[in-house]
Protein backbone atom coordinates (compact mmCIF):
# COMPACT_ATOMS: atom_id res chain seq x y z
CA MET A 1 68.31 75.82 87.47
CA PRO A 2 70.32 78.08 85.08
CA ALA A 3 71.78 81.42 86.24
CA LYS A 4 69.58 84.50 85.79
CA LYS A 5 70.47 86.46 82.75
CA ASN A 6 71.37 90.07 83.70
CA PRO A 7 71.13 89.39 87.52
CA LEU A 8 72.00 93.07 88.39
CA ASN A 9 69.19 94.30 86.22
CA LEU A 10 71.35 96.58 84.12
CA ASN A 11 69.31 98.72 81.64
CA SER A 12 70.08 98.66 77.97
CA LEU A 13 72.51 101.61 78.06
CA GLN A 14 74.42 100.26 80.89
CA LEU A 15 74.63 96.80 79.30
CA LYS A 16 75.89 98.25 76.06
CA THR A 17 78.56 100.46 77.81
CA LEU A 18 79.71 97.53 80.03
CA THR A 19 80.14 95.43 76.86
CA LEU A 20 82.22 98.03 75.19
CA LEU A 21 84.33 98.55 78.28
CA GLN A 22 84.96 94.71 78.45
CA GLU A 23 86.07 94.61 74.88
CA LEU A 24 88.43 97.73 75.46
CA ALA A 25 89.83 95.98 78.42
CA ARG A 26 91.00 93.14 76.16
CA HIS A 27 93.62 95.42 74.48
CA PRO A 28 96.71 95.77 76.49
CA GLU A 29 98.04 98.68 74.51
CA ILE A 30 95.43 101.00 75.97
CA THR A 31 94.94 99.31 79.31
CA ARG A 32 96.57 98.84 82.74
CA LYS A 33 95.91 95.72 84.71
CA ASP A 34 96.13 95.54 88.51
CA GLU A 35 97.30 91.98 89.09
CA ALA A 36 96.53 92.07 92.85
CA THR A 37 92.85 93.14 92.27
CA GLY A 38 92.22 91.98 88.77
CA LYS A 39 90.87 95.50 87.87
CA VAL A 40 91.60 96.88 84.45
CA THR A 41 91.96 100.61 83.74
CA ILE A 42 91.24 101.75 80.21
CA ASP A 43 93.44 104.75 79.31
CA GLU A 44 92.07 105.50 75.94
CA LEU A 45 88.46 105.54 74.81
CA PRO A 46 87.87 105.33 70.99
CA ARG A 47 86.88 108.24 68.92
CA PRO A 48 84.10 107.81 66.47
CA HIS A 49 84.63 108.60 62.88
CA GLY A 50 81.23 108.90 60.98
CA ASN A 51 78.67 106.50 62.45
CA HIS A 52 81.10 104.03 63.97
CA PHE A 53 84.47 103.42 65.70
CA HIS A 54 86.92 100.58 65.98
CA ILE A 55 88.02 98.54 68.87
CA GLY A 56 90.80 96.39 67.59
CA PRO A 57 89.41 94.53 64.56
CA ARG A 58 85.83 95.01 65.78
CA VAL A 59 83.50 97.63 64.54
CA VAL A 60 80.89 99.43 66.84
CA MET A 61 78.05 101.63 65.60
CA SER A 62 78.27 105.03 67.44
CA ALA A 63 74.57 104.65 68.32
CA ASN A 64 75.52 101.88 70.62
CA ALA A 65 78.11 103.77 72.44
CA THR A 66 76.31 106.80 73.73
CA GLY A 67 76.99 105.62 77.41
CA LEU A 68 80.86 105.73 76.96
CA HIS A 69 80.60 109.50 77.79
CA ASN A 70 77.70 109.60 80.15
CA PRO A 71 78.61 110.09 83.85
CA ALA A 72 75.21 108.64 84.97
CA VAL A 73 75.99 105.45 83.28
CA TYR A 74 79.40 105.13 85.22
CA LEU A 75 77.75 106.06 88.40
CA ALA A 76 75.17 103.22 87.93
CA LEU A 77 77.92 100.71 87.07
CA ALA A 78 79.93 101.80 90.13
CA ARG A 79 77.02 101.36 92.45
CA LYS A 80 76.69 97.80 91.07
CA GLY A 81 80.27 97.16 91.72
CA LEU A 82 81.20 96.71 87.96
CA VAL A 83 83.51 99.71 87.70
CA ALA A 84 85.55 101.54 90.20
CA PRO A 85 84.16 104.88 91.20
CA ALA A 86 87.43 106.84 90.93
CA GLY A 87 88.06 106.08 87.33
CA GLY A 88 85.04 108.01 85.72
CA ILE A 89 84.73 108.71 82.16
CA GLU A 90 88.37 109.65 81.57
CA THR A 91 89.98 106.46 82.70
CA PRO A 92 87.30 103.87 83.47
CA THR A 93 88.33 100.94 85.57
CA LEU A 94 86.54 97.67 85.40
CA THR A 95 86.41 95.53 88.51
CA ALA A 96 87.03 91.63 88.22
CA GLU A 97 83.07 91.45 88.51
CA GLY A 98 82.65 94.01 85.65
CA LEU A 99 85.10 91.98 83.41
CA SER A 100 83.38 88.82 84.03
CA TYR A 101 79.65 90.03 83.80
CA ASP A 102 77.85 88.34 80.81
CA THR A 103 75.98 91.15 79.13
CA GLY A 104 74.85 88.91 76.21
CA LEU A 105 75.54 91.61 73.77
CA ARG A 106 79.25 91.15 72.68
CA ASP A 107 78.25 89.45 69.39
CA VAL A 108 75.24 91.87 69.05
CA ILE A 109 76.94 95.17 69.02
CA LEU A 110 80.50 94.30 68.16
CA HIS A 111 80.89 93.54 64.45
CA GLY A 112 83.89 92.03 62.46
CA SER A 113 85.83 94.63 60.72
CA ASP A 114 85.54 95.16 56.93
CA HIS A 115 88.61 97.37 56.57
């Protein structure tokens, strides 16, 4: 029997936000990794310009990122064990579980850069 998709029943906003945090965590120039716990802290969230922003070579529409600055989203992700409660919006920290959670949205909301 295949694993249940979205076993923690995250809503759309939580899934999009987690997807973006996971992508940001792939960039060592803006993150710190705790080798002992596997947690990754993101030190810099992207700033939109116009209707989009960049994460490395990927482009994200701002409409898919409304959760990045929403405290309620971080609280929900923390309750599910996907982000550490202490990081919050300023410097979110993904847990090992948060890094590995399959949101199914990476190829949906992250687009190849055209510039």
